[in-house]
Amino acid sequence: MSHDPISRTPAPSRRRARHGALGIAVLAAVGSLTSCGLADGGEEDRTISIIVTESAPFQEPTEIAKELLAEEGWELETTYVTDIIQPNQVVAQGEYDANFFQNFAYLNQFNADHGLDIEPVFAVYEAPGGLFSTQHEELTDLPDGAQIALPVDTANNGRGLKLLADAGLLEIDESVAVTELSQRDIQDNPHDFEFVEVDQQSVAQSIEDVDAAFAFLRLASEIGLGPEDTLALEDEDVALPFTCVVAAAPDFAGTEAAEALERAYQFEEVRDWFADYLDGVLDPAFDVDVDEAWAELAG
């Protein structure tokens, strides 16, 4: 993976507990940006830098937050990317104050895989997913040997398997949490389903090529599919680990900058935006107790 710097480009328009093309140019030098340090000359630096997924449910709330922060005398510097690896790495390296692109489960797994200690600062919205198909109208229509696409990353891999098991089409080890569930936990596959693992950012684009695919609602919406098009949709029982959060290094939480950022992202105008987006299918998660949810998930 390239470690070139990430280019900054403009976007188009309270606590509760992705194959992407790297088609991005990386910022030449972020310099010594900090959200709570002192700039040369002794003046307080009121700049916050954040790296964000290039997708509407991340971009639009960020642009709203940017305007609100400006009214409070803060400058929110934004970088929009399609990569799901670099955002945690550059925050860990101190090149950015925070990121907004992932859910609790993905962050927990990424930390474990890469030896990082990035933490959720506050929650923004719930991000359900579902099984989609352009070839079949019901789960029971899936033929024996059907190809089913799943996100390849561990944190999201088992979500489609869980939906199939809940429908009685698979038997899985029910003792395994959905955030850790994978094909190795399948105990019986009576329909001989073939699972194709794809980068989470590309699963929606693969729907036409398989019998069914598990995809996030926000990504499926980009190809014109909504909740009404799912064969099966996740319910609230599995929503919490997949709530999308703003995350940062441990020393950022509790700072004046972090508190200002949380106020801006959880402003009523952001809630209103989610109420309009996809007919309100993505619920704001402003009341999630992030510390409690993180402790439960990370152990």
C-alpha atoms as a PDB file:
ATOM      1  CA  MET A   1       0.000   0.000   0.000  1.00  0.00           C
ATOM      2  CA  SER A   2       1.236   3.415  -0.828  1.00  0.00           C
ATOM      3  CA  HIS A   3       2.324   5.631   2.011  1.00  0.00           C
ATOM      4  CA  ASP A   4       2.313   8.769  -0.087  1.00  0.00           C
ATOM      5  CA  PRO A   5       0.591  11.737   1.533  1.00  0.00           C
ATOM      6  CA  ILE A   6      -3.270  12.106   1.181  1.00  0.00           C
ATOM      7  CA  SER A   7      -4.764  15.005  -0.801  1.00  0.00           C
ATOM      8  CA  ARG A   8      -7.357  17.245   0.819  1.00  0.00           C
ATOM      9  CA  THR A   9     -10.452  17.699  -1.306  1.00  0.00           C
ATOM     10  CA  PRO A  10     -13.747  19.406  -0.529  1.00  0.00           C
ATOM     11  CA  ALA A  11     -16.932  17.432   0.033  1.00  0.00           C
ATOM     12  CA  PRO A  12     -20.057  17.920  -2.146  1.00  0.00           C
ATOM     13  CA  SER A  13     -22.374  19.533  -0.160  1.00  0.00           C
ATOM     14  CA  ARG A  14     -23.573  12.421  22.329  1.00  0.00           C
ATOM     15  CA  ARG A  15     -22.141   9.288  23.277  1.00  0.00           C
ATOM     16  CA  ARG A  16     -23.653   5.735  22.727  1.00  0.00           C
ATOM     17  CA  ALA A  17     -21.933   2.313  22.284  1.00  0.00           C
ATOM     18  CA  ARG A  18     -13.553  -0.563   3.817  1.00  0.00           C
ATOM     19  CA  HIS A  19     -11.103  -3.265  -1.410  1.00  0.00           C
ATOM     20  CA  GLY A  20     -11.570   0.315  -1.645  1.00  0.00           C
ATOM     21  CA  ALA A  21      -9.526   1.762  -4.403  1.00  0.00           C
ATOM     22  CA  LEU A  22      -6.697   3.751  -3.006  1.00  0.00           C
ATOM     23  CA  GLY A  23      -7.456   6.247  -5.720  1.00  0.00           C
ATOM     24  CA  ILE A  24      -6.220   9.050  -3.505  1.00  0.00           C
ATOM     25  CA  ALA A  25      -3.177  11.196  -3.440  1.00  0.00           C
ATOM     26  CA  VAL A  26      -1.704  11.457   0.051  1.00  0.00           C
ATOM     27  CA  LEU A  27      -1.089  14.793   1.792  1.00  0.00           C
ATOM     28  CA  ALA A  28       2.488  16.021   1.282  1.00  0.00           C
ATOM     29  CA  ALA A  29       2.997  16.970   4.876  1.00  0.00           C
ATOM     30  CA  VAL A  30       0.550  17.421   7.637  1.00  0.00           C
ATOM     31  CA  GLY A  31       3.203  19.206   9.679  1.00  0.00           C
ATOM     32  CA  SER A  32       2.654  19.694  13.354  1.00  0.00           C
ATOM     33  CA  LEU A  33      -1.141  20.053  13.413  1.00  0.00           C
ATOM     34  CA  THR A  34      -2.559  19.412  16.850  1.00  0.00           C
ATOM     35  CA  SER A  35      -5.989  20.168  18.131  1.00  0.00           C
ATOM     36  CA  CYS A  36      -5.004  21.509  21.532  1.00  0.00           C
ATOM     37  CA  GLY A  37      -1.405  22.623  21.273  1.00  0.00           C
ATOM     38  CA  LEU A  38       0.074  26.105  20.807  1.00  0.00           C
ATOM     39  CA  ALA A  39       0.940  27.530  17.441  1.00  0.00           C
ATOM     40  CA  ASP A  40       4.203  29.382  16.832  1.00  0.00           C
ATOM     41  CA  GLY A  41       3.966  32.747  18.516  1.00  0.00           C
ATOM     42  CA  GLY A  42       2.033  31.421  21.510  1.00  0.00           C
ATOM     43  CA  GLU A  43      -1.503  31.599  20.116  1.00  0.00           C
ATOM     44  CA  GLU A  44      -3.826  28.661  20.702  1.00  0.00           C
ATOM     45  CA  ASP A  45      -4.137  26.366  17.692  1.00  0.00           C
ATOM     46  CA  ARG A  46      -7.865  25.882  17.119  1.00  0.00           C
ATOM     47  CA  THR A  47      -7.439  23.534  14.167  1.00  0.00           C
ATOM     48  CA  ILE A  48      -8.764  19.973  14.187  1.00  0.00           C
ATOM     49  CA  SER A  49      -7.748  17.579  11.430  1.00  0.00           C
ATOM     50  CA  ILE A  50      -9.943  14.621  10.518  1.00  0.00           C
ATOM     51  CA  ILE A  51      -9.792  11.920   7.837  1.00  0.00           C
ATOM     52  CA  VAL A  52     -13.191  10.725   6.641  1.00  0.00           C
ATOM     53  CA  THR A  53     -14.733   8.138   4.328  1.00  0.00           C
ATOM     54  CA  GLU A  54     -15.798   9.537   0.977  1.00  0.00           C
ATOM     55  CA  SER A  55     -19.473   8.611   1.355  1.00  0.00           C
ATOM     56  CA  ALA A  56     -22.533  10.728   2.098  1.00  0.00           C
ATOM     57  CA  PRO A  57     -23.287   9.546   5.683  1.00  0.00           C
ATOM     58  CA  PHE A  58     -19.743  10.517   6.632  1.00  0.00           C
ATOM     59  CA  GLN A  59     -19.153  13.521   4.400  1.00  0.00           C
ATOM     60  CA  GLU A  60     -22.388  15.405   4.898  1.00  0.00           C
ATOM     61  CA  PRO A  61     -22.377  15.365   8.730  1.00  0.00           C
ATOM     62  CA  THR A  62     -18.712  16.369   8.563  1.00  0.00           C
ATOM     63  CA  GLU A  63     -19.488  19.376   6.396  1.00  0.00           C
ATOM     64  CA  ILE A  64     -22.278  20.390   8.795  1.00  0.00           C
ATOM     65  CA  ALA A  65     -19.856  19.994  11.708  1.00  0.00           C
ATOM     66  CA  LYS A  66     -17.277  22.097   9.892  1.00  0.00           C
ATOM     67  CA  GLU A  67     -19.686  25.016   9.601  1.00  0.00           C
ATOM     68  CA  LEU A  68     -20.746  24.774  13.242  1.00  0.00           C
ATOM     69  CA  LEU A  69     -17.140  24.587  14.429  1.00  0.00           C
ATOM     70  CA  ALA A  70     -16.258  27.649  12.384  1.00  0.00           C
ATOM     71  CA  GLU A  71     -18.942  29.573  14.259  1.00  0.00           C
ATOM     72  CA  GLU A  72     -17.133  28.620  17.496  1.00  0.00           C
ATOM     73  CA  GLY A  73     -13.768  29.710  16.149  1.00  0.00           C
ATOM     74  CA  TRP A  74     -12.494  26.260  15.185  1.00  0.00           C
ATOM     75  CA  GLU A  75     -11.180  25.195  11.796  1.00  0.00           C
ATOM     76  CA  LEU A  76     -11.993  21.614  10.830  1.00  0.00           C
ATOM     77  CA  GLU A  77      -9.521  20.404   8.202  1.00  0.00           C
ATOM     78  CA  THR A  78     -11.021  17.481   6.302  1.00  0.00           C
ATOM     79  CA  THR A  79      -9.511  14.802   4.087  1.00  0.00           C
ATOM     80  CA  TYR A  80     -11.884  12.452   2.241  1.00  0.00           C
ATOM     81  CA  VAL A  81     -10.678   8.981   1.215  1.00  0.00           C
ATOM     82  CA  THR A  82     -11.959   5.613   0.018  1.00  0.00           C
ATOM     83  CA  ASP A  83      -9.283   3.629   1.886  1.00  0.00           C
ATOM     84  CA  ILE A  84     -10.148   1.803   5.138  1.00  0.00           C
ATOM     85  CA  ILE A  85      -6.560   1.105   6.269  1.00  0.00           C
ATOM     86  CA  GLN A  86      -4.783   4.444   6.298  1.00  0.00           C
ATOM     87  CA  PRO A  87      -7.291   6.372   8.447  1.00  0.00           C
ATOM     88  CA  ASN A  88      -6.341   4.454  11.590  1.00  0.00           C
ATOM     89  CA  GLN A  89      -2.667   4.374  10.744  1.00  0.00           C
ATOM     90  CA  VAL A  90      -2.303   8.108  10.182  1.00  0.00           C
ATOM     91  CA  VAL A  91      -4.205   8.881  13.381  1.00  0.00           C
ATOM     92  CA  ALA A  92      -1.933   6.515  15.313  1.00  0.00           C
ATOM     93  CA  GLN A  93       1.071   8.275  13.771  1.00  0.00           C
ATOM     94  CA  GLY A  94      -0.223  11.661  14.885  1.00  0.00           C
ATOM     95  CA  GLU A  95      -0.775  13.009  11.385  1.00  0.00           C
ATOM     96  CA  TYR A  96      -4.486  13.520  12.059  1.00  0.00           C
ATOM     97  CA  ASP A  97      -6.424  14.212  15.235  1.00  0.00           C
ATOM     98  CA  ALA A  98      -9.341  11.910  14.443  1.00  0.00           C
ATOM     99  CA  ASN A  99     -11.052   9.783  11.817  1.00  0.00           C
ATOM    100  CA  PHE A 100     -14.647   9.031  10.912  1.00  0.00           C
ATOM    101  CA  PHE A 101     -15.125   5.947   8.757  1.00  0.00           C
ATOM    102  CA  GLN A 102     -15.598   2.837  10.896  1.00  0.00           C
ATOM    103  CA  ASN A 103     -17.751   1.020  13.416  1.00  0.00           C
ATOM    104  CA  PHE A 104     -16.843  -0.251  16.901  1.00  0.00           C
ATOM    105  CA  ALA A 105     -16.258  -3.805  15.653  1.00  0.00           C
ATOM    106  CA  TYR A 106     -13.939  -2.840  12.819  1.00  0.00           C
ATOM    107  CA  LEU A 107     -11.917  -0.543  15.086  1.00  0.00           C
ATOM    108  CA  ASN A 108     -11.544  -3.257  17.721  1.00  0.00           C
ATOM    109  CA  GLN A 109     -10.392  -5.799  15.138  1.00  0.00           C
ATOM    110  CA  PHE A 110      -8.017  -3.313  13.467  1.00  0.00           C
ATOM    111  CA  ASN A 111      -6.378  -2.501  16.789  1.00  0.00           C
ATOM    112  CA  ALA A 112      -5.892  -6.213  17.491  1.00  0.00           C
ATOM    113  CA  ASP A 113      -4.486  -6.903  14.039  1.00  0.00           C
ATOM    114  CA  HIS A 114      -2.115  -3.924  13.960  1.00  0.00           C
ATOM    115  CA  GLY A 115      -1.169  -3.401  17.604  1.00  0.00           C
ATOM    116  CA  LEU A 116      -2.794   0.042  17.835  1.00  0.00           C
ATOM    117  CA  ASP A 117      -4.760   1.733  20.613  1.00  0.00           C
ATOM    118  CA  ILE A 118      -7.123   3.999  18.692  1.00  0.00           C
ATOM    119  CA  GLU A 119     -10.299   4.600  20.708  1.00  0.00           C
ATOM    120  CA  PRO A 120     -13.867   5.667  19.892  1.00  0.00           C
ATOM    121  CA  VAL A 121     -14.507   9.223  21.068  1.00  0.00           C
ATOM    122  CA  PHE A 122     -18.240   9.465  20.367  1.00  0.00           C
ATOM    123  CA  ALA A 123     -20.864   7.722  18.251  1.00  0.00           C
ATOM    124  CA  VAL A 124     -22.602   9.249  15.263  1.00  0.00           C
ATOM    125  CA  TYR A 125     -24.990   6.754  13.645  1.00  0.00           C
ATOM    126  CA  GLU A 126     -26.102   3.143  13.479  1.00  0.00           C
ATOM    127  CA  ALA A 127     -25.077   1.364  10.279  1.00  0.00           C
ATOM    128  CA  PRO A 128     -27.222  -1.701   9.535  1.00  0.00           C
ATOM    129  CA  GLY A 129     -26.687  -4.017   6.625  1.00  0.00           C
ATOM    130  CA  GLY A 130     -28.623  -6.677   4.813  1.00  0.00           C
ATOM    131  CA  LEU A 131     -28.582  -9.442   2.243  1.00  0.00           C
ATOM    132  CA  PHE A 132     -29.353  -8.152  -1.241  1.00  0.00           C
ATOM    133  CA  SER A 133     -30.020  -9.888  -4.534  1.00  0.00           C
ATOM    134  CA  THR A 134     -30.906  -8.761  -8.013  1.00  0.00           C
ATOM    135  CA  GLN A 135     -31.732 -12.342  -9.059  1.00  0.00           C
ATOM    136  CA  HIS A 136     -33.970 -13.623  -6.262  1.00  0.00           C
ATOM    137  CA  GLU A 137     -36.902 -12.087  -4.391  1.00  0.00           C
ATOM    138  CA  GLU A 138     -36.811 -14.183  -1.207  1.00  0.00           C
ATOM    139  CA  LEU A 139     -34.109 -15.941   0.823  1.00  0.00           C
ATOM    140  CA  THR A 140     -35.934 -19.212   0.211  1.00  0.00           C
ATOM    141  CA  ASP A 141     -35.432 -18.674  -3.533  1.00  0.00           C
ATOM    142  CA  LEU A 142     -31.659 -19.065  -3.183  1.00  0.00           C
ATOM    143  CA  PRO A 143     -30.701 -22.279  -5.032  1.00  0.00           C
ATOM    144  CA  ASP A 144     -28.402 -24.979  -3.738  1.00  0.00           C
ATOM    145  CA  GLY A 145     -24.837 -23.939  -4.464  1.00  0.00           C
ATOM    146  CA  ALA A 146     -25.725 -20.256  -4.563  1.00  0.00           C
ATOM    147  CA  GLN A 147     -22.808 -17.840  -4.482  1.00  0.00           C
ATOM    148  CA  ILE A 148     -23.071 -15.338  -1.645  1.00  0.00           C
ATOM    149  CA  ALA A 149     -20.662 -12.424  -1.254  1.00  0.00           C
ATOM    150  CA  LEU A 150     -19.509 -11.377   2.226  1.00  0.00           C
ATOM    151  CA  PRO A 151     -17.163  -8.641   3.457  1.00  0.00           C
ATOM    152  CA  VAL A 152     -13.685 -10.100   3.847  1.00  0.00           C
ATOM    153  CA  ASP A 153     -12.776  -8.211   7.044  1.00  0.00           C
ATOM    154  CA  THR A 154     -13.283 -10.181  10.261  1.00  0.00           C
ATOM    155  CA  ALA A 155     -15.470  -7.593  11.973  1.00  0.00           C
ATOM    156  CA  ASN A 156     -18.128  -7.721   9.250  1.00  0.00           C
ATOM    157  CA  ASN A 157     -17.604 -11.175   7.733  1.00  0.00           C
ATOM    158  CA  GLY A 158     -20.147 -12.970   9.898  1.00  0.00           C
ATOM    159  CA  ARG A 159     -23.056 -10.564   9.556  1.00  0.00           C
ATOM    160  CA  GLY A 160     -24.414 -12.220   6.422  1.00  0.00           C
ATOM    161  CA  LEU A 161     -23.873 -15.678   7.917  1.00  0.00           C
ATOM    162  CA  LYS A 162     -25.892 -14.622  10.958  1.00  0.00           C
ATOM    163  CA  LEU A 163     -28.806 -13.519   8.767  1.00  0.00           C
ATOM    164  CA  LEU A 164     -28.752 -16.820   6.873  1.00  0.00           C
ATOM    165  CA  ALA A 165     -28.643 -18.777  10.134  1.00  0.00           C
ATOM    166  CA  ASP A 166     -31.518 -16.755  11.587  1.00  0.00           C
ATOM    167  CA  ALA A 167     -33.517 -17.693   8.486  1.00  0.00           C
ATOM    168  CA  GLY A 168     -32.767 -21.393   9.023  1.00  0.00           C
ATOM    169  CA  LEU A 169     -30.602 -21.755   5.931  1.00  0.00           C
ATOM    170  CA  LEU A 170     -27.348 -22.380   7.835  1.00  0.00           C
ATOM    171  CA  GLU A 171     -26.331 -23.779  11.197  1.00  0.00           C
ATOM    172  CA  ILE A 172     -23.614 -21.816  12.982  1.00  0.00           C
ATOM    173  CA  ASP A 173     -21.918 -21.918  16.362  1.00  0.00           C
ATOM    174  CA  GLU A 174     -24.337 -19.690  18.261  1.00  0.00           C
ATOM    175  CA  SER A 175     -21.783 -19.156  21.040  1.00  0.00           C
ATOM    176  CA  VAL A 176     -19.638 -17.029  18.724  1.00  0.00           C
ATOM    177  CA  ALA A 177     -20.373 -13.301  18.712  1.00  0.00           C
ATOM    178  CA  VAL A 178     -21.445 -11.885  15.360  1.00  0.00           C
ATOM    179  CA  THR A 179     -18.385  -9.601  15.423  1.00  0.00           C
ATOM    180  CA  GLU A 180     -16.153 -12.707  15.396  1.00  0.00           C
ATOM    181  CA  LEU A 181     -18.287 -15.050  13.320  1.00  0.00           C
ATOM    182  CA  SER A 182     -16.741 -16.502  10.151  1.00  0.00           C
ATOM    183  CA  GLN A 183     -17.052 -19.445   7.795  1.00  0.00           C
ATOM    184  CA  ARG A 184     -15.105 -21.651  10.221  1.00  0.00           C
ATOM    185  CA  ASP A 185     -18.077 -21.359  12.602  1.00  0.00           C
ATOM    186  CA  ILE A 186     -20.517 -22.894  10.101  1.00  0.00           C
ATOM    187  CA  GLN A 187     -21.674 -26.230  11.520  1.00  0.00           C
ATOM    188  CA  ASP A 188     -23.993 -27.234   8.704  1.00  0.00           C
ATOM    189  CA  ASN A 189     -24.421 -25.817   5.196  1.00  0.00           C
ATOM    190  CA  PRO A 190     -27.294 -27.944   3.844  1.00  0.00           C
ATOM    191  CA  HIS A 191     -27.660 -25.866   0.674  1.00  0.00           C
ATOM    192  CA  ASP A 192     -23.955 -25.928  -0.166  1.00  0.00           C
ATOM    193  CA  PHE A 193     -23.783 -22.154  -0.381  1.00  0.00           C
ATOM    194  CA  GLU A 194     -20.493 -20.885  -1.746  1.00  0.00           C
ATOM    195  CA  PHE A 195     -19.195 -17.811   0.039  1.00  0.00           C
ATOM    196  CA  VAL A 196     -17.152 -15.259  -1.849  1.00  0.00           C
ATOM    197  CA  GLU A 197     -15.239 -12.822   0.337  1.00  0.00           C
ATOM    198  CA  VAL A 198     -14.894  -9.303  -1.052  1.00  0.00           C
ATOM    199  CA  ASP A 199     -13.551  -6.057   0.349  1.00  0.00           C
ATOM    200  CA  GLN A 200     -16.421  -4.370   2.214  1.00  0.00           C
ATOM    201  CA  GLN A 201     -16.293  -1.274   0.039  1.00  0.00           C
ATOM    202  CA  SER A 202     -16.832  -3.399  -3.095  1.00  0.00           C
ATOM    203  CA  VAL A 203     -19.510  -5.833  -1.936  1.00  0.00           C
ATOM    204  CA  ALA A 204     -22.360  -3.702  -3.239  1.00  0.00           C
ATOM    205  CA  GLN A 205     -20.770  -3.586  -6.679  1.00  0.00           C
ATOM    206  CA  SER A 206     -20.551  -7.404  -6.686  1.00  0.00           C
ATOM    207  CA  ILE A 207     -24.295  -7.957  -6.184  1.00  0.00           C
ATOM    208  CA  GLU A 208     -24.937  -8.358  -9.908  1.00  0.00           C
ATOM    209  CA  ASP A 209     -22.293 -11.115 -10.114  1.00  0.00           C
ATOM    210  CA  VAL A 210     -23.576 -13.373  -7.305  1.00  0.00           C
ATOM    211  CA  ASP A 211     -26.861 -14.822  -6.120  1.00  0.00           C
ATOM    212  CA  ALA A 212     -26.832 -12.636  -3.027  1.00  0.00           C
ATOM    213  CA  ALA A 213     -24.496 -10.367  -1.097  1.00  0.00           C
ATOM    214  CA  PHE A 214     -24.275  -8.825   2.359  1.00  0.00           C
ATOM    215  CA  ALA A 215     -23.788  -5.081   2.077  1.00  0.00           C
ATOM    216  CA  PHE A 216     -24.111  -1.981   4.217  1.00  0.00           C
ATOM    217  CA  LEU A 217     -27.271  -0.043   3.433  1.00  0.00           C
ATOM    218  CA  ARG A 218     -25.320   3.109   2.690  1.00  0.00           C
ATOM    219  CA  LEU A 219     -23.206   1.329   0.062  1.00  0.00           C
ATOM    220  CA  ALA A 220     -26.160  -0.474  -1.481  1.00  0.00           C
ATOM    221  CA  SER A 221     -27.889   2.884  -1.806  1.00  0.00           C
ATOM    222  CA  GLU A 222     -25.104   4.008  -4.119  1.00  0.00           C
ATOM    223  CA  ILE A 223     -26.291   1.469  -6.698  1.00  0.00           C
ATOM    224  CA  GLY A 224     -29.952   2.265  -6.179  1.00  0.00           C
ATOM    225  CA  LEU A 225     -30.884  -0.403  -3.625  1.00  0.00           C
ATOM    226  CA  GLY A 226     -32.705   0.421  -0.380  1.00  0.00           C
ATOM    227  CA  PRO A 227     -33.993  -1.413   2.702  1.00  0.00           C
ATOM    228  CA  GLU A 228     -37.062  -2.517   0.770  1.00  0.00           C
ATOM    229  CA  ASP A 229     -34.763  -4.443  -1.600  1.00  0.00           C
ATOM    230  CA  THR A 230     -33.185  -6.670   1.069  1.00  0.00           C
ATOM    231  CA  LEU A 231     -33.791 -10.382   1.368  1.00  0.00           C
ATOM    232  CA  ALA A 232     -33.033  -9.974   5.087  1.00  0.00           C
ATOM    233  CA  LEU A 233     -32.206  -6.899   7.159  1.00  0.00           C
ATOM    234  CA  GLU A 234     -30.309  -6.711  10.441  1.00  0.00           C
ATOM    235  CA  ASP A 235     -32.331  -5.728  13.500  1.00  0.00           C
ATOM    236  CA  GLU A 236     -31.440  -3.764  16.616  1.00  0.00           C
ATOM    237  CA  ASP A 237     -30.072  -6.856  18.375  1.00  0.00           C
ATOM    238  CA  VAL A 238     -26.877  -6.622  16.354  1.00  0.00           C
ATOM    239  CA  ALA A 239     -26.761  -2.866  15.764  1.00  0.00           C
ATOM    240  CA  LEU A 240     -24.502  -1.664  18.595  1.00  0.00           C
ATOM    241  CA  PRO A 241     -21.124  -3.134  17.530  1.00  0.00           C
ATOM    242  CA  PHE A 242     -21.686  -1.737  14.053  1.00  0.00           C
ATOM    243  CA  THR A 243     -22.398   1.819  15.154  1.00  0.00           C
ATOM    244  CA  CYS A 244     -20.151   4.280  13.346  1.00  0.00           C
ATOM    245  CA  VAL A 245     -17.878   6.383  15.525  1.00  0.00           C
ATOM    246  CA  VAL A 246     -15.385   9.197  15.441  1.00  0.00           C
ATOM    247  CA  ALA A 247     -12.121   7.705  16.731  1.00  0.00           C
ATOM    248  CA  ALA A 248      -8.775   9.101  17.857  1.00  0.00           C
ATOM    249  CA  ALA A 249      -5.632   8.370  19.852  1.00  0.00           C
ATOM    250  CA  PRO A 250      -6.212   8.060  23.629  1.00  0.00           C
ATOM    251  CA  ASP A 251      -4.905  11.547  24.436  1.00  0.00           C
ATOM    252  CA  PHE A 252      -7.514  13.281  22.258  1.00  0.00           C
ATOM    253  CA  ALA A 253     -10.653  12.295  24.189  1.00  0.00           C
ATOM    254  CA  GLY A 254     -11.543  14.827  26.841  1.00  0.00           C
ATOM    255  CA  THR A 255      -9.710  17.707  25.206  1.00  0.00           C
ATOM    256  CA  GLU A 256     -11.464  20.959  24.358  1.00  0.00           C
ATOM    257  CA  ALA A 257     -11.131  20.057  20.701  1.00  0.00           C
ATOM    258  CA  ALA A 258     -12.755  16.645  21.192  1.00  0.00           C
ATOM    259  CA  GLU A 259     -15.661  18.188  23.087  1.00  0.00           C
ATOM    260  CA  ALA A 260     -16.163  20.807  20.377  1.00  0.00           C
ATOM    261  CA  LEU A 261     -16.044  18.114  17.688  1.00  0.00           C
ATOM    262  CA  GLU A 262     -18.639  15.994  19.484  1.00  0.00           C
ATOM    263  CA  ARG A 263     -21.008  18.959  19.909  1.00  0.00           C
ATOM    264  CA  ALA A 264     -20.747  19.743  16.216  1.00  0.00           C
ATOM    265  CA  TYR A 265     -21.344  16.182  14.979  1.00  0.00           C
ATOM    266  CA  GLN A 266     -24.271  15.687  17.347  1.00  0.00           C
ATOM    267  CA  PHE A 267     -26.014  18.952  16.580  1.00  0.00           C
ATOM    268  CA  GLU A 268     -29.719  18.868  15.705  1.00  0.00           C
ATOM    269  CA  GLU A 269     -28.957  19.740  12.093  1.00  0.00           C
ATOM    270  CA  VAL A 270     -27.011  16.486  11.780  1.00  0.00           C
ATOM    271  CA  ARG A 271     -29.948  14.555  13.257  1.00  0.00           C
ATOM    272  CA  ASP A 272     -32.214  16.211  10.696  1.00  0.00           C
ATOM    273  CA  TRP A 273     -29.888  15.219   7.874  1.00  0.00           C
ATOM    274  CA  PHE A 274     -30.039  11.551   8.895  1.00  0.00           C
ATOM    275  CA  ALA A 275     -33.830  11.764   9.129  1.00  0.00           C
ATOM    276  CA  ASP A 276     -33.912  12.684   5.438  1.00  0.00           C
ATOM    277  CA  TYR A 277     -31.173  10.343   4.166  1.00  0.00           C
ATOM    278  CA  LEU A 278     -32.522   7.025   2.800  1.00  0.00           C
ATOM    279  CA  ASP A 279     -35.880   7.794   4.434  1.00  0.00           C
ATOM    280  CA  GLY A 280     -34.236   7.750   7.856  1.00  0.00           C
ATOM    281  CA  VAL A 281     -32.854   4.198   7.753  1.00  0.00           C
ATOM    282  CA  LEU A 282     -29.616   5.298   9.448  1.00  0.00           C
ATOM    283  CA  ASP A 283     -30.492   6.293  12.995  1.00  0.00           C
ATOM    284  CA  PRO A 284     -28.321   8.803  14.875  1.00  0.00           C
ATOM    285  CA  ALA A 285     -26.502   7.201  17.814  1.00  0.00           C
ATOM    286  CA  PHE A 286     -25.820  10.324  19.836  1.00  0.00           C
ATOM    287  CA  ASP A 287     -26.952   8.710  23.113  1.00  0.00           C
ATOM    288  CA  VAL A 288     -24.646   5.692  22.909  1.00  0.00           C
ATOM    289  CA  ASP A 289     -22.415   5.336  25.980  1.00  0.00           C
ATOM    290  CA  VAL A 290     -19.168   4.881  24.084  1.00  0.00           C
ATOM    291  CA  ASP A 291     -17.076   3.897  27.107  1.00  0.00           C
ATOM    292  CA  GLU A 292     -19.528   1.176  28.119  1.00  0.00           C
ATOM    293  CA  ALA A 293     -19.912  -0.157  24.585  1.00  0.00           C
ATOM    294  CA  TRP A 294     -16.163  -0.132  23.970  1.00  0.00           C
ATOM    295  CA  ALA A 295     -15.412  -1.892  27.272  1.00  0.00           C
ATOM    296  CA  GLU A 296     -17.959  -4.585  26.445  1.00  0.00           C
ATOM    297  CA  LEU A 297     -16.589  -5.147  22.962  1.00  0.00           C
ATOM    298  CA  ALA A 298     -12.846  -4.805  23.622  1.00  0.00           C
ATOM    299  CA  GLY A 299     -12.994  -6.791  26.843  1.00  0.00           C
END
